[in-house]
């Protein structure tokens, strides 16, 4: 079996074959909602709604998984590109458009790490209404070669989130370039200008 045969098998097995693909923002919101629901354990949906949401989530995850497999086979640069140390990197570069998909954005300093949780002290809010201090699960750092966590105590970060899900691709340690993107994404013009 060669690569072309494998691609054809994947196309035939793809449950979303022939359907319009989901845009990145919609996929992020579905994944964020699924993670939020599985982590919180609160407000369990009605059985009917739960089955519908599970079907949508499973379909989205299956579609995303098939897409990633196909992308890795054809080595699409935006999805899989070599990082600075020749490891693959799965995040597209942060952009104003990607940041605008999030309803909450802020700058915060990591003050404590206990187990898999990080305490953040919010120092500036770009969008939404985050509390002054919050404890969040430690997200993975997609650019870390060892797959370590995103946060380290004492460091300051710019954080984008939707539905209480922190984007590990659009959040990172504070730099002038990243701050400029956040300012452009979350500054609302006044008086029509």
C-alpha atoms as a PDB file:
ATOM      1  CA  UNK A   1       0.000   0.000   0.000  1.00  0.00           C
ATOM      2  CA  UNK A   2       1.435   3.361  -0.992  1.00  0.00           C
ATOM      3  CA  UNK A   3       0.599   6.901   0.108  1.00  0.00           C
ATOM      4  CA  UNK A   4      -1.975   7.393  -2.658  1.00  0.00           C
ATOM      5  CA  UNK A   5      -3.816   4.218  -1.607  1.00  0.00           C
ATOM      6  CA  UNK A   6      -3.833   5.387   2.012  1.00  0.00           C
ATOM      7  CA  UNK A   7      -5.168   8.816   1.038  1.00  0.00           C
ATOM      8  CA  UNK A   8      -7.959   7.192  -0.976  1.00  0.00           C
ATOM      9  CA  UNK A   9      -8.865   4.959   1.984  1.00  0.00           C
ATOM     10  CA  UNK A  10      -9.021   7.992   4.261  1.00  0.00           C
ATOM     11  CA  UNK A  11     -11.205   9.893   1.791  1.00  0.00           C
ATOM     12  CA  UNK A  12     -13.661   6.970   1.620  1.00  0.00           C
ATOM     13  CA  UNK A  13     -13.747   6.636   5.427  1.00  0.00           C
ATOM     14  CA  UNK A  14     -14.212  10.356   6.022  1.00  0.00           C
ATOM     15  CA  UNK A  15     -17.794  10.865   7.328  1.00  0.00           C
ATOM     16  CA  UNK A  16     -17.714  14.495   6.213  1.00  0.00           C
ATOM     17  CA  UNK A  17     -16.623  13.745   2.650  1.00  0.00           C
ATOM     18  CA  UNK A  18     -18.507  16.085   0.332  1.00  0.00           C
ATOM     19  CA  UNK A  19     -19.549  18.480   3.101  1.00  0.00           C
ATOM     20  CA  UNK A  20     -18.331  22.047   3.409  1.00  0.00           C
ATOM     21  CA  UNK A  21     -15.321  22.104   5.789  1.00  0.00           C
ATOM     22  CA  UNK A  22     -15.616  23.904   9.124  1.00  0.00           C
ATOM     23  CA  UNK A  23     -13.645  27.113   9.437  1.00  0.00           C
ATOM     24  CA  UNK A  24     -10.906  27.322  12.113  1.00  0.00           C
ATOM     25  CA  UNK A  25     -13.006  29.539  14.388  1.00  0.00           C
ATOM     26  CA  UNK A  26     -15.928  27.097  14.433  1.00  0.00           C
ATOM     27  CA  UNK A  27     -13.623  24.142  15.162  1.00  0.00           C
ATOM     28  CA  UNK A  28     -11.994  26.043  18.048  1.00  0.00           C
ATOM     29  CA  UNK A  29     -15.399  26.916  19.535  1.00  0.00           C
ATOM     30  CA  UNK A  30     -16.611  23.283  19.284  1.00  0.00           C
ATOM     31  CA  UNK A  31     -13.438  21.945  20.888  1.00  0.00           C
ATOM     32  CA  UNK A  32     -13.530  24.646  23.589  1.00  0.00           C
ATOM     33  CA  UNK A  33     -17.150  23.826  24.411  1.00  0.00           C
ATOM     34  CA  UNK A  34     -16.413  20.092  24.529  1.00  0.00           C
ATOM     35  CA  UNK A  35     -13.425  20.620  26.827  1.00  0.00           C
ATOM     36  CA  UNK A  36     -15.354  23.028  29.021  1.00  0.00           C
ATOM     37  CA  UNK A  37     -18.226  20.583  29.418  1.00  0.00           C
ATOM     38  CA  UNK A  38     -15.960  17.613  30.142  1.00  0.00           C
ATOM     39  CA  UNK A  39     -13.847  19.554  32.658  1.00  0.00           C
ATOM     40  CA  UNK A  40     -16.646  21.273  34.543  1.00  0.00           C
ATOM     41  CA  UNK A  41     -18.976  18.298  34.987  1.00  0.00           C
ATOM     42  CA  UNK A  42     -21.668  20.866  35.778  1.00  0.00           C
ATOM     43  CA  UNK A  43     -24.949  21.610  34.067  1.00  0.00           C
ATOM     44  CA  UNK A  44     -25.214  18.219  32.433  1.00  0.00           C
ATOM     45  CA  UNK A  45     -27.191  18.567  29.206  1.00  0.00           C
ATOM     46  CA  UNK A  46     -30.490  16.820  28.711  1.00  0.00           C
ATOM     47  CA  UNK A  47     -30.091  13.336  27.182  1.00  0.00           C
ATOM     48  CA  UNK A  48     -31.362  14.528  23.810  1.00  0.00           C
ATOM     49  CA  UNK A  49     -29.079  17.584  23.725  1.00  0.00           C
ATOM     50  CA  UNK A  50     -26.185  15.486  25.023  1.00  0.00           C
ATOM     51  CA  UNK A  51     -26.543  12.970  22.188  1.00  0.00           C
ATOM     52  CA  UNK A  52     -26.718  15.764  19.616  1.00  0.00           C
ATOM     53  CA  UNK A  53     -23.691  17.561  21.088  1.00  0.00           C
ATOM     54  CA  UNK A  54     -21.773  14.278  21.368  1.00  0.00           C
ATOM     55  CA  UNK A  55     -22.543  13.524  17.722  1.00  0.00           C
ATOM     56  CA  UNK A  56     -21.399  16.959  16.631  1.00  0.00           C
ATOM     57  CA  UNK A  57     -18.285  16.747  18.826  1.00  0.00           C
ATOM     58  CA  UNK A  58     -17.383  13.256  17.626  1.00  0.00           C
ATOM     59  CA  UNK A  59     -17.970  14.320  14.034  1.00  0.00           C
ATOM     60  CA  UNK A  60     -15.822  17.428  14.485  1.00  0.00           C
ATOM     61  CA  UNK A  61     -13.054  15.467  16.205  1.00  0.00           C
ATOM     62  CA  UNK A  62     -13.164  12.761  13.526  1.00  0.00           C
ATOM     63  CA  UNK A  63     -13.092  15.378  10.780  1.00  0.00           C
ATOM     64  CA  UNK A  64     -10.216  17.198  12.450  1.00  0.00           C
ATOM     65  CA  UNK A  65      -8.295  13.934  12.968  1.00  0.00           C
ATOM     66  CA  UNK A  66      -8.739  12.892   9.340  1.00  0.00           C
ATOM     67  CA  UNK A  67      -7.731  16.390   8.262  1.00  0.00           C
ATOM     68  CA  UNK A  68      -4.582  16.241  10.382  1.00  0.00           C
ATOM     69  CA  UNK A  69      -3.659  12.814   9.016  1.00  0.00           C
ATOM     70  CA  UNK A  70      -4.149  13.983   5.446  1.00  0.00           C
ATOM     71  CA  UNK A  71      -2.298  17.224   6.168  1.00  0.00           C
ATOM     72  CA  UNK A  72       0.612  15.329   7.651  1.00  0.00           C
ATOM     73  CA  UNK A  73       0.728  13.109   4.570  1.00  0.00           C
ATOM     74  CA  UNK A  74       0.912  16.038   2.187  1.00  0.00           C
ATOM     75  CA  UNK A  75       2.949  18.200   4.621  1.00  0.00           C
ATOM     76  CA  UNK A  76       0.838  21.335   4.371  1.00  0.00           C
ATOM     77  CA  UNK A  77       3.177  24.090   5.670  1.00  0.00           C
ATOM     78  CA  UNK A  78       0.519  26.008   7.663  1.00  0.00           C
ATOM     79  CA  UNK A  79      -0.435  22.904   9.616  1.00  0.00           C
ATOM     80  CA  UNK A  80       2.899  21.169  10.015  1.00  0.00           C
ATOM     81  CA  UNK A  81       6.070  23.156   9.601  1.00  0.00           C
ATOM     82  CA  UNK A  82       9.521  22.584  11.005  1.00  0.00           C
ATOM     83  CA  UNK A  83      10.174  24.530  14.179  1.00  0.00           C
ATOM     84  CA  UNK A  84      13.476  26.158  15.092  1.00  0.00           C
ATOM     85  CA  UNK A  85      14.928  22.812  16.199  1.00  0.00           C
ATOM     86  CA  UNK A  86      13.475  20.787  13.279  1.00  0.00           C
ATOM     87  CA  UNK A  87      10.587  19.400  15.371  1.00  0.00           C
ATOM     88  CA  UNK A  88       7.146  19.750  13.844  1.00  0.00           C
ATOM     89  CA  UNK A  89       4.980  22.601  15.029  1.00  0.00           C
ATOM     90  CA  UNK A  90       1.191  22.319  14.834  1.00  0.00           C
ATOM     91  CA  UNK A  91       0.157  25.952  15.313  1.00  0.00           C
ATOM     92  CA  UNK A  92      -0.314  28.489  12.570  1.00  0.00           C
ATOM     93  CA  UNK A  93       1.276  31.860  13.373  1.00  0.00           C
ATOM     94  CA  UNK A  94      -0.781  34.116  15.655  1.00  0.00           C
ATOM     95  CA  UNK A  95      -2.625  36.768  13.645  1.00  0.00           C
ATOM     96  CA  UNK A  96      -5.088  39.566  14.273  1.00  0.00           C
ATOM     97  CA  UNK A  97      -7.778  37.439  12.583  1.00  0.00           C
ATOM     98  CA  UNK A  98      -7.058  34.357  14.701  1.00  0.00           C
ATOM     99  CA  UNK A  99      -7.148  36.453  17.892  1.00  0.00           C
ATOM    100  CA  UNK A 100     -10.492  38.015  16.987  1.00  0.00           C
ATOM    101  CA  UNK A 101     -12.087  34.568  17.282  1.00  0.00           C
ATOM    102  CA  UNK A 102     -11.701  34.760  21.079  1.00  0.00           C
ATOM    103  CA  UNK A 103     -14.104  36.532  23.439  1.00  0.00           C
ATOM    104  CA  UNK A 104     -11.596  37.057  26.252  1.00  0.00           C
ATOM    105  CA  UNK A 105      -8.017  38.321  26.075  1.00  0.00           C
ATOM    106  CA  UNK A 106      -5.775  39.536  28.862  1.00  0.00           C
ATOM    107  CA  UNK A 107      -2.232  39.859  30.130  1.00  0.00           C
ATOM    108  CA  UNK A 108      -1.388  37.988  33.319  1.00  0.00           C
ATOM    109  CA  UNK A 109       1.531  36.853  35.438  1.00  0.00           C
ATOM    110  CA  UNK A 110       1.790  33.233  36.557  1.00  0.00           C
ATOM    111  CA  UNK A 111       2.081  33.380  40.367  1.00  0.00           C
ATOM    112  CA  UNK A 112       1.840  29.684  41.322  1.00  0.00           C
ATOM    113  CA  UNK A 113       1.714  26.208  39.817  1.00  0.00           C
ATOM    114  CA  UNK A 114       0.153  23.382  41.833  1.00  0.00           C
ATOM    115  CA  UNK A 115      -0.109  20.073  40.032  1.00  0.00           C
ATOM    116  CA  UNK A 116      -1.786  20.702  36.687  1.00  0.00           C
ATOM    117  CA  UNK A 117      -3.203  24.102  37.719  1.00  0.00           C
ATOM    118  CA  UNK A 118      -1.718  27.569  37.329  1.00  0.00           C
ATOM    119  CA  UNK A 119      -2.716  30.684  39.276  1.00  0.00           C
ATOM    120  CA  UNK A 120      -2.691  33.828  37.142  1.00  0.00           C
ATOM    121  CA  UNK A 121      -2.795  37.455  38.297  1.00  0.00           C
ATOM    122  CA  UNK A 122      -4.453  39.542  35.556  1.00  0.00           C
ATOM    123  CA  UNK A 123      -2.627  42.821  34.934  1.00  0.00           C
ATOM    124  CA  UNK A 124      -4.395  44.091  31.788  1.00  0.00           C
ATOM    125  CA  UNK A 125      -7.653  43.193  30.023  1.00  0.00           C
ATOM    126  CA  UNK A 126      -7.969  43.487  26.239  1.00  0.00           C
ATOM    127  CA  UNK A 127     -11.406  41.842  25.864  1.00  0.00           C
ATOM    128  CA  UNK A 128     -14.001  40.179  28.076  1.00  0.00           C
ATOM    129  CA  UNK A 129     -14.132  40.296  31.878  1.00  0.00           C
ATOM    130  CA  UNK A 130     -11.598  37.941  33.412  1.00  0.00           C
ATOM    131  CA  UNK A 131     -11.313  38.028  37.216  1.00  0.00           C
ATOM    132  CA  UNK A 132      -8.240  39.711  38.720  1.00  0.00           C
ATOM    133  CA  UNK A 133      -6.944  36.303  39.815  1.00  0.00           C
ATOM    134  CA  UNK A 134      -7.839  32.942  38.362  1.00  0.00           C
ATOM    135  CA  UNK A 135      -6.685  29.348  38.438  1.00  0.00           C
ATOM    136  CA  UNK A 136      -6.600  27.517  35.124  1.00  0.00           C
ATOM    137  CA  UNK A 137      -5.418  24.126  33.878  1.00  0.00           C
ATOM    138  CA  UNK A 138      -1.859  24.208  32.537  1.00  0.00           C
ATOM    139  CA  UNK A 139      -2.165  24.134  28.719  1.00  0.00           C
ATOM    140  CA  UNK A 140       0.434  22.367  26.600  1.00  0.00           C
ATOM    141  CA  UNK A 141       3.132  24.465  24.992  1.00  0.00           C
ATOM    142  CA  UNK A 142       3.029  23.482  21.301  1.00  0.00           C
ATOM    143  CA  UNK A 143       6.478  24.971  20.669  1.00  0.00           C
ATOM    144  CA  UNK A 144       8.202  23.244  23.599  1.00  0.00           C
ATOM    145  CA  UNK A 145      10.299  20.323  22.366  1.00  0.00           C
ATOM    146  CA  UNK A 146       9.540  18.334  25.531  1.00  0.00           C
ATOM    147  CA  UNK A 147       5.784  19.031  25.330  1.00  0.00           C
ATOM    148  CA  UNK A 148       5.907  20.943  28.626  1.00  0.00           C
ATOM    149  CA  UNK A 149       3.347  23.393  29.929  1.00  0.00           C
ATOM    150  CA  UNK A 150       2.769  26.891  28.627  1.00  0.00           C
ATOM    151  CA  UNK A 151       3.142  28.738  31.959  1.00  0.00           C
ATOM    152  CA  UNK A 152       6.132  29.230  34.294  1.00  0.00           C
ATOM    153  CA  UNK A 153       5.967  31.062  37.648  1.00  0.00           C
ATOM    154  CA  UNK A 154       7.053  34.693  37.478  1.00  0.00           C
ATOM    155  CA  UNK A 155       6.577  35.055  33.713  1.00  0.00           C
ATOM    156  CA  UNK A 156       4.004  37.355  32.102  1.00  0.00           C
ATOM    157  CA  UNK A 157       1.734  36.084  29.322  1.00  0.00           C
ATOM    158  CA  UNK A 158      -0.777  37.303  26.782  1.00  0.00           C
ATOM    159  CA  UNK A 159      -3.758  34.957  26.876  1.00  0.00           C
ATOM    160  CA  UNK A 160      -6.624  34.473  24.424  1.00  0.00           C
ATOM    161  CA  UNK A 161      -9.584  32.335  25.467  1.00  0.00           C
ATOM    162  CA  UNK A 162     -13.094  31.429  24.394  1.00  0.00           C
ATOM    163  CA  UNK A 163     -15.671  29.825  26.646  1.00  0.00           C
ATOM    164  CA  UNK A 164     -12.990  29.509  29.383  1.00  0.00           C
ATOM    165  CA  UNK A 165     -10.688  27.563  27.043  1.00  0.00           C
ATOM    166  CA  UNK A 166      -7.180  29.047  26.774  1.00  0.00           C
ATOM    167  CA  UNK A 167      -5.752  28.834  23.294  1.00  0.00           C
ATOM    168  CA  UNK A 168      -2.324  27.255  23.505  1.00  0.00           C
ATOM    169  CA  UNK A 169      -1.586  28.482  19.965  1.00  0.00           C
ATOM    170  CA  UNK A 170      -2.720  32.115  20.305  1.00  0.00           C
ATOM    171  CA  UNK A 171      -1.413  32.642  23.855  1.00  0.00           C
ATOM    172  CA  UNK A 172       2.184  32.991  24.870  1.00  0.00           C
ATOM    173  CA  UNK A 173       4.853  34.799  26.797  1.00  0.00           C
ATOM    174  CA  UNK A 174       4.546  38.570  26.475  1.00  0.00           C
ATOM    175  CA  UNK A 175       6.627  40.060  23.670  1.00  0.00           C
ATOM    176  CA  UNK A 176       6.330  43.411  21.906  1.00  0.00           C
ATOM    177  CA  UNK A 177       5.246  41.687  18.679  1.00  0.00           C
ATOM    178  CA  UNK A 178       2.555  39.592  20.368  1.00  0.00           C
ATOM    179  CA  UNK A 179       1.317  42.609  22.360  1.00  0.00           C
ATOM    180  CA  UNK A 180       0.986  44.569  19.090  1.00  0.00           C
ATOM    181  CA  UNK A 181      -1.185  41.803  17.614  1.00  0.00           C
ATOM    182  CA  UNK A 182      -3.403  41.787  20.724  1.00  0.00           C
ATOM    183  CA  UNK A 183      -3.735  45.586  20.590  1.00  0.00           C
ATOM    184  CA  UNK A 184      -4.736  45.472  16.916  1.00  0.00           C
ATOM    185  CA  UNK A 185      -7.163  42.589  17.427  1.00  0.00           C
ATOM    186  CA  UNK A 186      -8.945  43.952  20.486  1.00  0.00           C
ATOM    187  CA  UNK A 187      -8.880  47.716  20.055  1.00  0.00           C
ATOM    188  CA  UNK A 188     -12.296  48.908  18.994  1.00  0.00           C
ATOM    189  CA  UNK A 189     -12.324  52.109  16.919  1.00  0.00           C
ATOM    190  CA  UNK A 190     -14.493  54.876  18.381  1.00  0.00           C
ATOM    191  CA  UNK A 191     -16.665  57.393  16.566  1.00  0.00           C
ATOM    192  CA  UNK A 192     -16.550  55.414  13.339  1.00  0.00           C
ATOM    193  CA  UNK A 193     -12.772  55.805  13.055  1.00  0.00           C
END
